[in-house]
């Protein structure tokens, strides 16, 4: 299998209509409706869950299926009663268009 850039490869329930994207809460591991609520939720929790899902997806790909223009690393360590996650993402873009460089 080769690299698949489609958003639905990362989020199988992804949909879009040309102006809006939609991803069901259940498509993002461990994300709760309370965390995702547009008024009372917490965007940090949403981003953390998305980063964790993206890393786990990337990490689970065979080397031949990973993109060459994006690399993803995660370091975790305990800090008191917390686990701290540090993500490093290297993403190659075209200079003029600021768009993802073709594979």
PDB file of N, CA and C in Angstrom:
ATOM      1  N   UNK A   1       0.842  -1.174   0.000  1.00  0.00           N
ATOM      2  CA  UNK A   1       0.000   0.000   0.000  1.00  0.00           C
ATOM      3  C   UNK A   1       0.895   1.248   0.000  1.00  0.00           C
ATOM      4  N   UNK A   2       0.523   2.256  -0.730  1.00  0.00           N
ATOM      5  CA  UNK A   2       1.284   3.499  -0.804  1.00  0.00           C
ATOM      6  C   UNK A   2       0.640   4.560   0.086  1.00  0.00           C
ATOM      7  N   UNK A   3       1.353   5.648   0.275  1.00  0.00           N
ATOM      8  CA  UNK A   3       0.851   6.756   1.073  1.00  0.00           C
ATOM      9  C   UNK A   3      -0.497   7.240   0.539  1.00  0.00           C
ATOM     10  N   UNK A   4      -1.461   7.419   1.441  1.00  0.00           N
ATOM     11  CA  UNK A   4      -2.799   7.907   1.077  1.00  0.00           C
ATOM     12  C   UNK A   4      -3.011   9.268   1.736  1.00  0.00           C
ATOM     13  N   UNK A   5      -3.044  10.363   0.966  1.00  0.00           N
ATOM     14  CA  UNK A   5      -3.175  11.691   1.559  1.00  0.00           C
ATOM     15  C   UNK A   5      -4.611  12.094   1.914  1.00  0.00           C
ATOM     16  N   UNK A   6      -5.600  11.284   1.563  1.00  0.00           N
ATOM     17  CA  UNK A   6      -6.995  11.670   1.802  1.00  0.00           C
ATOM     18  C   UNK A   6      -7.277  11.863   3.294  1.00  0.00           C
ATOM     19  N   UNK A   7      -7.943  12.962   3.680  1.00  0.00           N
ATOM     20  CA  UNK A   7      -8.286  13.160   5.087  1.00  0.00           C
ATOM     21  C   UNK A   7      -9.068  11.977   5.674  1.00  0.00           C
ATOM     22  N   UNK A   8      -9.833  11.302   4.854  1.00  0.00           N
ATOM     23  CA  UNK A   8     -10.611  10.161   5.355  1.00  0.00           C
ATOM     24  C   UNK A   8      -9.738   8.955   5.692  1.00  0.00           C
ATOM     25  N   UNK A   9      -8.463   8.971   5.284  1.00  0.00           N
ATOM     26  CA  UNK A   9      -7.583   7.873   5.697  1.00  0.00           C
ATOM     27  C   UNK A   9      -7.226   8.024   7.176  1.00  0.00           C
ATOM     28  N   UNK A  10      -7.126   9.262   7.663  1.00  0.00           N
ATOM     29  CA  UNK A  10      -6.871   9.518   9.084  1.00  0.00           C
ATOM     30  C   UNK A  10      -8.171   9.503   9.877  1.00  0.00           C
ATOM     31  N   UNK A  11      -9.206  10.153   9.362  1.00  0.00           N
ATOM     32  CA  UNK A  11     -10.528  10.213  10.004  1.00  0.00           C
ATOM     33  C   UNK A  11     -11.541   9.547   9.078  1.00  0.00           C
ATOM     34  N   UNK A  12     -11.807   8.242   9.261  1.00  0.00           N
ATOM     35  CA  UNK A  12     -12.675   7.513   8.336  1.00  0.00           C
ATOM     36  C   UNK A  12     -14.075   8.119   8.140  1.00  0.00           C
ATOM     37  N   UNK A  13     -14.587   8.860   9.106  1.00  0.00           N
ATOM     38  CA  UNK A  13     -15.927   9.443   8.980  1.00  0.00           C
ATOM     39  C   UNK A  13     -15.884  10.907   8.529  1.00  0.00           C
ATOM     40  N   UNK A  14     -14.750  11.349   8.019  1.00  0.00           N
ATOM     41  CA  UNK A  14     -14.570  12.720   7.540  1.00  0.00           C
ATOM     42  C   UNK A  14     -15.566  13.018   6.427  1.00  0.00           C
ATOM     43  N   UNK A  15     -16.145  14.210   6.445  1.00  0.00           N
ATOM     44  CA  UNK A  15     -16.962  14.659   5.324  1.00  0.00           C
ATOM     45  C   UNK A  15     -16.771  16.160   5.163  1.00  0.00           C
ATOM     46  N   UNK A  16     -17.076  16.650   3.969  1.00  0.00           N
ATOM     47  CA  UNK A  16     -16.984  18.081   3.681  1.00  0.00           C
ATOM     48  C   UNK A  16     -17.961  18.403   2.574  1.00  0.00           C
ATOM     49  N   UNK A  17     -18.389  19.671   2.559  1.00  0.00           N
ATOM     50  CA  UNK A  17     -19.341  20.094   1.527  1.00  0.00           C
ATOM     51  C   UNK A  17     -18.834  21.287   0.723  1.00  0.00           C
ATOM     52  N   UNK A  18     -17.544  21.551   0.782  1.00  0.00           N
ATOM     53  CA  UNK A  18     -16.962  22.676   0.064  1.00  0.00           C
ATOM     54  C   UNK A  18     -16.767  23.901   0.940  1.00  0.00           C
ATOM     55  N   UNK A  19     -17.488  23.988   2.047  1.00  0.00           N
ATOM     56  CA  UNK A  19     -17.313  25.115   2.966  1.00  0.00           C
ATOM     57  C   UNK A  19     -17.135  24.665   4.413  1.00  0.00           C
ATOM     58  N   UNK A  20     -17.586  23.475   4.737  1.00  0.00           N
ATOM     59  CA  UNK A  20     -17.536  22.989   6.110  1.00  0.00           C
ATOM     60  C   UNK A  20     -16.973  21.575   6.129  1.00  0.00           C
ATOM     61  N   UNK A  21     -16.076  21.306   7.097  1.00  0.00           N
ATOM     62  CA  UNK A  21     -15.634  19.937   7.306  1.00  0.00           C
ATOM     63  C   UNK A  21     -16.350  19.392   8.534  1.00  0.00           C
ATOM     64  N   UNK A  22     -16.535  18.089   8.567  1.00  0.00           N
ATOM     65  CA  UNK A  22     -17.222  17.460   9.690  1.00  0.00           C
ATOM     66  C   UNK A  22     -16.530  16.150  10.033  1.00  0.00           C
ATOM     67  N   UNK A  23     -16.242  15.989  11.315  1.00  0.00           N
ATOM     68  CA  UNK A  23     -15.654  14.756  11.824  1.00  0.00           C
ATOM     69  C   UNK A  23     -16.431  14.394  13.083  1.00  0.00           C
ATOM     70  N   UNK A  24     -17.097  13.254  13.105  1.00  0.00           N
ATOM     71  CA  UNK A  24     -17.830  12.877  14.316  1.00  0.00           C
ATOM     72  C   UNK A  24     -16.896  12.775  15.525  1.00  0.00           C
ATOM     73  N   UNK A  25     -17.401  13.180  16.674  1.00  0.00           N
ATOM     74  CA  UNK A  25     -16.615  13.114  17.905  1.00  0.00           C
ATOM     75  C   UNK A  25     -16.062  11.710  18.115  1.00  0.00           C
ATOM     76  N   UNK A  26     -16.858  10.694  17.815  1.00  0.00           N
ATOM     77  CA  UNK A  26     -16.434   9.314  18.018  1.00  0.00           C
ATOM     78  C   UNK A  26     -15.263   8.912  17.122  1.00  0.00           C
ATOM     79  N   UNK A  27     -14.979   9.706  16.084  1.00  0.00           N
ATOM     80  CA  UNK A  27     -13.850   9.408  15.198  1.00  0.00           C
ATOM     81  C   UNK A  27     -12.512   9.785  15.817  1.00  0.00           C
ATOM     82  N   UNK A  28     -12.542  10.526  16.911  1.00  0.00           N
ATOM     83  CA  UNK A  28     -11.313  10.969  17.569  1.00  0.00           C
ATOM     84  C   UNK A  28     -11.239  10.262  18.917  1.00  0.00           C
ATOM     85  N   UNK A  29     -10.258   9.384  19.064  1.00  0.00           N
ATOM     86  CA  UNK A  29     -10.152   8.534  20.256  1.00  0.00           C
ATOM     87  C   UNK A  29     -10.152   9.357  21.540  1.00  0.00           C
ATOM     88  N   UNK A  30     -10.963   8.930  22.475  1.00  0.00           N
ATOM     89  CA  UNK A  30     -11.033   9.500  23.828  1.00  0.00           C
ATOM     90  C   UNK A  30     -11.586  10.919  23.904  1.00  0.00           C
ATOM     91  N   UNK A  31     -12.006  11.508  22.800  1.00  0.00           N
ATOM     92  CA  UNK A  31     -12.603  12.837  22.845  1.00  0.00           C
ATOM     93  C   UNK A  31     -14.050  12.705  23.307  1.00  0.00           C
ATOM     94  N   UNK A  32     -14.431  13.529  24.262  1.00  0.00           N
ATOM     95  CA  UNK A  32     -15.804  13.486  24.771  1.00  0.00           C
ATOM     96  C   UNK A  32     -16.607  14.653  24.199  1.00  0.00           C
ATOM     97  N   UNK A  33     -17.922  14.509  24.233  1.00  0.00           N
ATOM     98  CA  UNK A  33     -18.801  15.589  23.787  1.00  0.00           C
ATOM     99  C   UNK A  33     -18.598  16.823  24.657  1.00  0.00           C
ATOM    100  N   UNK A  34     -18.350  16.628  25.935  1.00  0.00           N
ATOM    101  CA  UNK A  34     -18.126  17.763  26.838  1.00  0.00           C
ATOM    102  C   UNK A  34     -16.866  18.526  26.439  1.00  0.00           C
ATOM    103  N   UNK A  35     -15.800  17.817  26.089  1.00  0.00           N
ATOM    104  CA  UNK A  35     -14.566  18.479  25.670  1.00  0.00           C
ATOM    105  C   UNK A  35     -14.749  19.213  24.345  1.00  0.00           C
ATOM    106  N   UNK A  36     -15.571  18.657  23.460  1.00  0.00           N
ATOM    107  CA  UNK A  36     -15.757  19.212  22.119  1.00  0.00           C
ATOM    108  C   UNK A  36     -16.833  20.289  22.050  1.00  0.00           C
ATOM    109  N   UNK A  37     -17.575  20.506  23.114  1.00  0.00           N
ATOM    110  CA  UNK A  37     -18.654  21.490  23.107  1.00  0.00           C
ATOM    111  C   UNK A  37     -18.110  22.863  22.710  1.00  0.00           C
ATOM    112  N   UNK A  38     -18.787  23.511  21.773  1.00  0.00           N
ATOM    113  CA  UNK A  38     -18.319  24.784  21.236  1.00  0.00           C
ATOM    114  C   UNK A  38     -18.327  25.933  22.218  1.00  0.00           C
ATOM    115  N   UNK A  39     -19.076  25.829  23.300  1.00  0.00           N
ATOM    116  CA  UNK A  39     -19.159  26.900  24.285  1.00  0.00           C
ATOM    117  C   UNK A  39     -18.451  26.563  25.591  1.00  0.00           C
ATOM    118  N   UNK A  40     -18.680  25.361  26.087  1.00  0.00           N
ATOM    119  CA  UNK A  40     -18.151  24.997  27.404  1.00  0.00           C
ATOM    120  C   UNK A  40     -16.994  24.007  27.333  1.00  0.00           C
ATOM    121  N   UNK A  41     -16.622  23.595  26.132  1.00  0.00           N
ATOM    122  CA  UNK A  41     -15.544  22.622  25.977  1.00  0.00           C
ATOM    123  C   UNK A  41     -14.170  23.238  26.161  1.00  0.00           C
ATOM    124  N   UNK A  42     -13.159  22.494  25.753  1.00  0.00           N
ATOM    125  CA  UNK A  42     -11.775  22.928  25.954  1.00  0.00           C
ATOM    126  C   UNK A  42     -10.979  22.609  24.689  1.00  0.00           C
ATOM    127  N   UNK A  43     -10.592  23.653  23.965  1.00  0.00           N
ATOM    128  CA  UNK A  43      -9.892  23.425  22.695  1.00  0.00           C
ATOM    129  C   UNK A  43      -8.563  22.707  22.896  1.00  0.00           C
ATOM    130  N   UNK A  44      -7.950  22.858  24.090  1.00  0.00           N
ATOM    131  CA  UNK A  44      -6.689  22.161  24.364  1.00  0.00           C
ATOM    132  C   UNK A  44      -6.907  20.655  24.363  1.00  0.00           C
ATOM    133  N   UNK A  45      -8.019  20.215  24.947  1.00  0.00           N
ATOM    134  CA  UNK A  45      -8.337  18.788  24.962  1.00  0.00           C
ATOM    135  C   UNK A  45      -8.582  18.286  23.539  1.00  0.00           C
ATOM    136  N   UNK A  46      -9.300  19.084  22.739  1.00  0.00           N
ATOM    137  CA  UNK A  46      -9.572  18.699  21.349  1.00  0.00           C
ATOM    138  C   UNK A  46      -8.261  18.557  20.583  1.00  0.00           C
ATOM    139  N   UNK A  47      -7.390  19.558  20.680  1.00  0.00           N
ATOM    140  CA  UNK A  47      -6.108  19.502  19.971  1.00  0.00           C
ATOM    141  C   UNK A  47      -5.254  18.335  20.458  1.00  0.00           C
ATOM    142  N   UNK A  48      -5.223  18.118  21.758  1.00  0.00           N
ATOM    143  CA  UNK A  48      -4.451  17.000  22.297  1.00  0.00           C
ATOM    144  C   UNK A  48      -4.917  15.671  21.750  1.00  0.00           C
ATOM    145  N   UNK A  49      -6.234  15.491  21.695  1.00  0.00           N
ATOM    146  CA  UNK A  49      -6.790  14.226  21.164  1.00  0.00           C
ATOM    147  C   UNK A  49      -6.487  14.076  19.676  1.00  0.00           C
ATOM    148  N   UNK A  50      -6.599  15.174  18.923  1.00  0.00           N
ATOM    149  CA  UNK A  50      -6.311  15.108  17.487  1.00  0.00           C
ATOM    150  C   UNK A  50      -4.829  14.805  17.257  1.00  0.00           C
ATOM    151  N   UNK A  51      -3.951  15.482  17.992  1.00  0.00           N
ATOM    152  CA  UNK A  51      -2.515  15.215  17.848  1.00  0.00           C
ATOM    153  C   UNK A  51      -2.188  13.770  18.194  1.00  0.00           C
ATOM    154  N   UNK A  52      -2.790  13.263  19.276  1.00  0.00           N
ATOM    155  CA  UNK A  52      -2.529  11.885  19.662  1.00  0.00           C
ATOM    156  C   UNK A  52      -3.018  10.909  18.601  1.00  0.00           C
ATOM    157  N   UNK A  53      -4.234  11.153  18.066  1.00  0.00           N
ATOM    158  CA  UNK A  53      -4.759  10.290  17.001  1.00  0.00           C
ATOM    159  C   UNK A  53      -3.869  10.349  15.761  1.00  0.00           C
ATOM    160  N   UNK A  54      -3.465  11.557  15.373  1.00  0.00           N
ATOM    161  CA  UNK A  54      -2.625  11.707  14.180  1.00  0.00           C
ATOM    162  C   UNK A  54      -1.295  10.990  14.369  1.00  0.00           C
ATOM    163  N   UNK A  55      -0.691  11.156  15.551  1.00  0.00           N
ATOM    164  CA  UNK A  55       0.570  10.472  15.799  1.00  0.00           C
ATOM    165  C   UNK A  55       0.372   8.956  15.759  1.00  0.00           C
ATOM    166  N   UNK A  56      -0.649   8.444  16.430  1.00  0.00           N
ATOM    167  CA  UNK A  56      -0.880   6.997  16.460  1.00  0.00           C
ATOM    168  C   UNK A  56      -1.134   6.442  15.058  1.00  0.00           C
ATOM    169  N   UNK A  57      -1.866   7.200  14.239  1.00  0.00           N
ATOM    170  CA  UNK A  57      -2.101   6.779  12.858  1.00  0.00           C
ATOM    171  C   UNK A  57      -0.779   6.724  12.096  1.00  0.00           C
ATOM    172  N   UNK A  58      -0.014   7.816  12.169  1.00  0.00           N
ATOM    173  CA  UNK A  58       1.271   7.899  11.477  1.00  0.00           C
ATOM    174  C   UNK A  58       2.212   6.793  11.943  1.00  0.00           C
ATOM    175  N   UNK A  59       2.309   6.616  13.248  1.00  0.00           N
ATOM    176  CA  UNK A  59       3.219   5.629  13.819  1.00  0.00           C
ATOM    177  C   UNK A  59       2.845   4.204  13.420  1.00  0.00           C
ATOM    178  N   UNK A  60       1.553   3.972  13.193  1.00  0.00           N
ATOM    179  CA  UNK A  60       1.083   2.637  12.819  1.00  0.00           C
ATOM    180  C   UNK A  60       1.257   2.293  11.348  1.00  0.00           C
ATOM    181  N   UNK A  61       1.606   3.275  10.535  1.00  0.00           N
ATOM    182  CA  UNK A  61       1.809   3.011   9.111  1.00  0.00           C
ATOM    183  C   UNK A  61       3.123   2.272   8.875  1.00  0.00           C
ATOM    184  N   UNK A  62       3.114   1.400   7.901  1.00  0.00           N
ATOM    185  CA  UNK A  62       4.375   0.793   7.467  1.00  0.00           C
ATOM    186  C   UNK A  62       5.262   1.904   6.914  1.00  0.00           C
ATOM    187  N   UNK A  63       6.569   1.757   7.034  1.00  0.00           N
ATOM    188  CA  UNK A  63       7.488   2.801   6.564  1.00  0.00           C
ATOM    189  C   UNK A  63       7.220   3.196   5.117  1.00  0.00           C
ATOM    190  N   UNK A  64       6.899   2.222   4.267  1.00  0.00           N
ATOM    191  CA  UNK A  64       6.651   2.511   2.855  1.00  0.00           C
ATOM    192  C   UNK A  64       5.380   3.327   2.646  1.00  0.00           C
ATOM    193  N   UNK A  65       4.485   3.342   3.638  1.00  0.00           N
ATOM    194  CA  UNK A  65       3.217   4.048   3.516  1.00  0.00           C
ATOM    195  C   UNK A  65       3.238   5.433   4.176  1.00  0.00           C
ATOM    196  N   UNK A  66       4.329   5.770   4.845  1.00  0.00           N
ATOM    197  CA  UNK A  66       4.410   7.065   5.519  1.00  0.00           C
ATOM    198  C   UNK A  66       4.741   8.157   4.508  1.00  0.00           C
ATOM    199  N   UNK A  67       4.194   9.345   4.719  1.00  0.00           N
ATOM    200  CA  UNK A  67       4.548  10.445   3.828  1.00  0.00           C
ATOM    201  C   UNK A  67       6.018  10.824   4.016  1.00  0.00           C
ATOM    202  N   UNK A  68       6.625  11.317   2.966  1.00  0.00           N
ATOM    203  CA  UNK A  68       8.018  11.759   3.065  1.00  0.00           C
ATOM    204  C   UNK A  68       8.101  13.249   3.352  1.00  0.00           C
ATOM    205  N   UNK A  69       7.013  13.968   3.159  1.00  0.00           N
ATOM    206  CA  UNK A  69       7.004  15.417   3.351  1.00  0.00           C
ATOM    207  C   UNK A  69       6.395  15.821   4.701  1.00  0.00           C
ATOM    208  N   UNK A  70       6.151  14.854   5.557  1.00  0.00           N
ATOM    209  CA  UNK A  70       5.677  15.114   6.907  1.00  0.00           C
ATOM    210  C   UNK A  70       6.196  14.004   7.807  1.00  0.00           C
ATOM    211  N   UNK A  71       6.840  14.396   8.888  1.00  0.00           N
ATOM    212  CA  UNK A  71       7.267  13.412   9.882  1.00  0.00           C
ATOM    213  C   UNK A  71       6.710  13.827  11.229  1.00  0.00           C
ATOM    214  N   UNK A  72       6.502  12.852  12.069  1.00  0.00           N
ATOM    215  CA  UNK A  72       5.799  13.062  13.324  1.00  0.00           C
ATOM    216  C   UNK A  72       6.537  12.300  14.418  1.00  0.00           C
ATOM    217  N   UNK A  73       6.831  12.968  15.514  1.00  0.00           N
ATOM    218  CA  UNK A  73       7.445  12.311  16.671  1.00  0.00           C
ATOM    219  C   UNK A  73       6.675  12.713  17.923  1.00  0.00           C
ATOM    220  N   UNK A  74       6.679  11.825  18.914  1.00  0.00           N
ATOM    221  CA  UNK A  74       6.052  12.133  20.197  1.00  0.00           C
ATOM    222  C   UNK A  74       6.970  11.656  21.307  1.00  0.00           C
ATOM    223  N   UNK A  75       7.169  12.504  22.282  1.00  0.00           N
ATOM    224  CA  UNK A  75       7.893  12.143  23.497  1.00  0.00           C
ATOM    225  C   UNK A  75       6.933  12.336  24.658  1.00  0.00           C
ATOM    226  N   UNK A  76       6.921  11.363  25.560  1.00  0.00           N
ATOM    227  CA  UNK A  76       6.076  11.450  26.753  1.00  0.00           C
ATOM    228  C   UNK A  76       6.937  11.278  27.988  1.00  0.00           C
ATOM    229  N   UNK A  77       6.589  12.009  29.032  1.00  0.00           N
ATOM    230  CA  UNK A  77       7.253  11.806  30.307  1.00  0.00           C
ATOM    231  C   UNK A  77       6.308  12.213  31.428  1.00  0.00           C
ATOM    232  N   UNK A  78       6.561  11.636  32.594  1.00  0.00           N
ATOM    233  CA  UNK A  78       5.747  11.958  33.764  1.00  0.00           C
ATOM    234  C   UNK A  78       6.304  13.187  34.447  1.00  0.00           C
ATOM    235  N   UNK A  79       5.401  14.061  34.879  1.00  0.00           N
ATOM    236  CA  UNK A  79       5.762  15.264  35.620  1.00  0.00           C
ATOM    237  C   UNK A  79       4.775  15.381  36.779  1.00  0.00           C
ATOM    238  N   UNK A  80       5.162  14.868  37.920  1.00  0.00           N
ATOM    239  CA  UNK A  80       4.248  14.855  39.058  1.00  0.00           C
ATOM    240  C   UNK A  80       3.083  13.932  38.781  1.00  0.00           C
ATOM    241  N   UNK A  81       1.877  14.473  38.851  1.00  0.00           N
ATOM    242  CA  UNK A  81       0.669  13.674  38.616  1.00  0.00           C
ATOM    243  C   UNK A  81       0.216  13.742  37.161  1.00  0.00           C
ATOM    244  N   UNK A  82       1.041  14.295  36.276  1.00  0.00           N
ATOM    245  CA  UNK A  82       0.669  14.471  34.873  1.00  0.00           C
ATOM    246  C   UNK A  82       1.598  13.701  33.945  1.00  0.00           C
ATOM    247  N   UNK A  83       1.097  13.443  32.760  1.00  0.00           N
ATOM    248  CA  UNK A  83       1.930  12.952  31.664  1.00  0.00           C
ATOM    249  C   UNK A  83       2.037  14.113  30.678  1.00  0.00           C
ATOM    250  N   UNK A  84       3.256  14.481  30.351  1.00  0.00           N
ATOM    251  CA  UNK A  84       3.508  15.572  29.411  1.00  0.00           C
ATOM    252  C   UNK A  84       3.834  14.947  28.060  1.00  0.00           C
ATOM    253  N   UNK A  85       3.151  15.418  27.028  1.00  0.00           N
ATOM    254  CA  UNK A  85       3.405  14.943  25.667  1.00  0.00           C
ATOM    255  C   UNK A  85       3.996  16.081  24.847  1.00  0.00           C
ATOM    256  N   UNK A  86       5.091  15.783  24.164  1.00  0.00           N
ATOM    257  CA  UNK A  86       5.719  16.755  23.276  1.00  0.00           C
ATOM    258  C   UNK A  86       5.688  16.173  21.866  1.00  0.00           C
ATOM    259  N   UNK A  87       5.064  16.898  20.955  1.00  0.00           N
ATOM    260  CA  UNK A  87       4.976  16.463  19.567  1.00  0.00           C
ATOM    261  C   UNK A  87       5.914  17.316  18.722  1.00  0.00           C
ATOM    262  N   UNK A  88       6.620  16.661  17.810  1.00  0.00           N
ATOM    263  CA  UNK A  88       7.451  17.365  16.844  1.00  0.00           C
ATOM    264  C   UNK A  88       6.943  16.963  15.463  1.00  0.00           C
ATOM    265  N   UNK A  89       6.509  17.956  14.710  1.00  0.00           N
ATOM    266  CA  UNK A  89       5.974  17.710  13.367  1.00  0.00           C
ATOM    267  C   UNK A  89       6.808  18.519  12.384  1.00  0.00           C
ATOM    268  N   UNK A  90       7.390  17.843  11.418  1.00  0.00           N
ATOM    269  CA  UNK A  90       8.129  18.507  10.344  1.00  0.00           C
ATOM    270  C   UNK A  90       7.290  18.370   9.082  1.00  0.00           C
ATOM    271  N   UNK A  91       6.894  19.498   8.525  1.00  0.00           N
ATOM    272  CA  UNK A  91       5.968  19.528   7.398  1.00  0.00           C
ATOM    273  C   UNK A  91       6.568  20.377   6.296  1.00  0.00           C
ATOM    274  N   UNK A  92       6.801  19.789   5.133  1.00  0.00           N
ATOM    275  CA  UNK A  92       7.382  20.515   4.002  1.00  0.00           C
ATOM    276  C   UNK A  92       6.284  21.182   3.193  1.00  0.00           C
ATOM    277  N   UNK A  93       6.467  22.489   2.933  1.00  0.00           N
ATOM    278  CA  UNK A  93       5.490  23.227   2.128  1.00  0.00           C
ATOM    279  C   UNK A  93       6.181  23.875   0.946  1.00  0.00           C
ATOM    280  N   UNK A  94       5.401  24.154  -0.089  1.00  0.00           N
ATOM    281  CA  UNK A  94       5.901  24.919  -1.218  1.00  0.00           C
ATOM    282  C   UNK A  94       6.014  26.370  -0.785  1.00  0.00           C
ATOM    283  N   UNK A  95       7.107  27.030  -1.105  1.00  0.00           N
ATOM    284  CA  UNK A  95       7.350  28.390  -0.639  1.00  0.00           C
ATOM    285  C   UNK A  95       6.308  29.380  -1.134  1.00  0.00           C
ATOM    286  N   UNK A  96       5.978  29.337  -2.409  1.00  0.00           N
ATOM    287  CA  UNK A  96       5.079  30.341  -2.969  1.00  0.00           C
ATOM    288  C   UNK A  96       3.630  30.176  -2.522  1.00  0.00           C
ATOM    289  N   UNK A  97       3.154  28.952  -2.427  1.00  0.00           N
ATOM    290  CA  UNK A  97       1.738  28.726  -2.148  1.00  0.00           C
ATOM    291  C   UNK A  97       1.454  28.371  -0.696  1.00  0.00           C
ATOM    292  N   UNK A  98       2.486  28.101   0.094  1.00  0.00           N
ATOM    293  CA  UNK A  98       2.324  27.617   1.471  1.00  0.00           C
ATOM    294  C   UNK A  98       1.350  26.442   1.488  1.00  0.00           C
ATOM    295  N   UNK A  99       1.503  25.576   0.543  1.00  0.00           N
ATOM    296  CA  UNK A  99       0.693  24.357   0.492  1.00  0.00           C
ATOM    297  C   UNK A  99       1.609  23.163   0.668  1.00  0.00           C
ATOM    298  N   UNK A 100       1.040  22.058   1.054  1.00  0.00           N
ATOM    299  CA  UNK A 100       1.830  20.860   1.282  1.00  0.00           C
ATOM    300  C   UNK A 100       2.559  20.452   0.020  1.00  0.00           C
ATOM    301  N   UNK A 101       3.826  20.189   0.142  1.00  0.00           N
ATOM    302  CA  UNK A 101       4.647  19.764  -0.987  1.00  0.00           C
ATOM    303  C   UNK A 101       4.190  18.382  -1.449  1.00  0.00           C
ATOM    304  N   UNK A 102       4.064  18.214  -2.744  1.00  0.00           N
ATOM    305  CA  UNK A 102       3.649  16.922  -3.298  1.00  0.00           C
ATOM    306  C   UNK A 102       4.671  15.849  -2.935  1.00  0.00           C
ATOM    307  N   UNK A 103       4.203  14.640  -2.717  1.00  0.00           N
ATOM    308  CA  UNK A 103       5.083  13.515  -2.381  1.00  0.00           C
ATOM    309  C   UNK A 103       5.901  13.128  -3.593  1.00  0.00           C
TER     310      UNK A 103
END
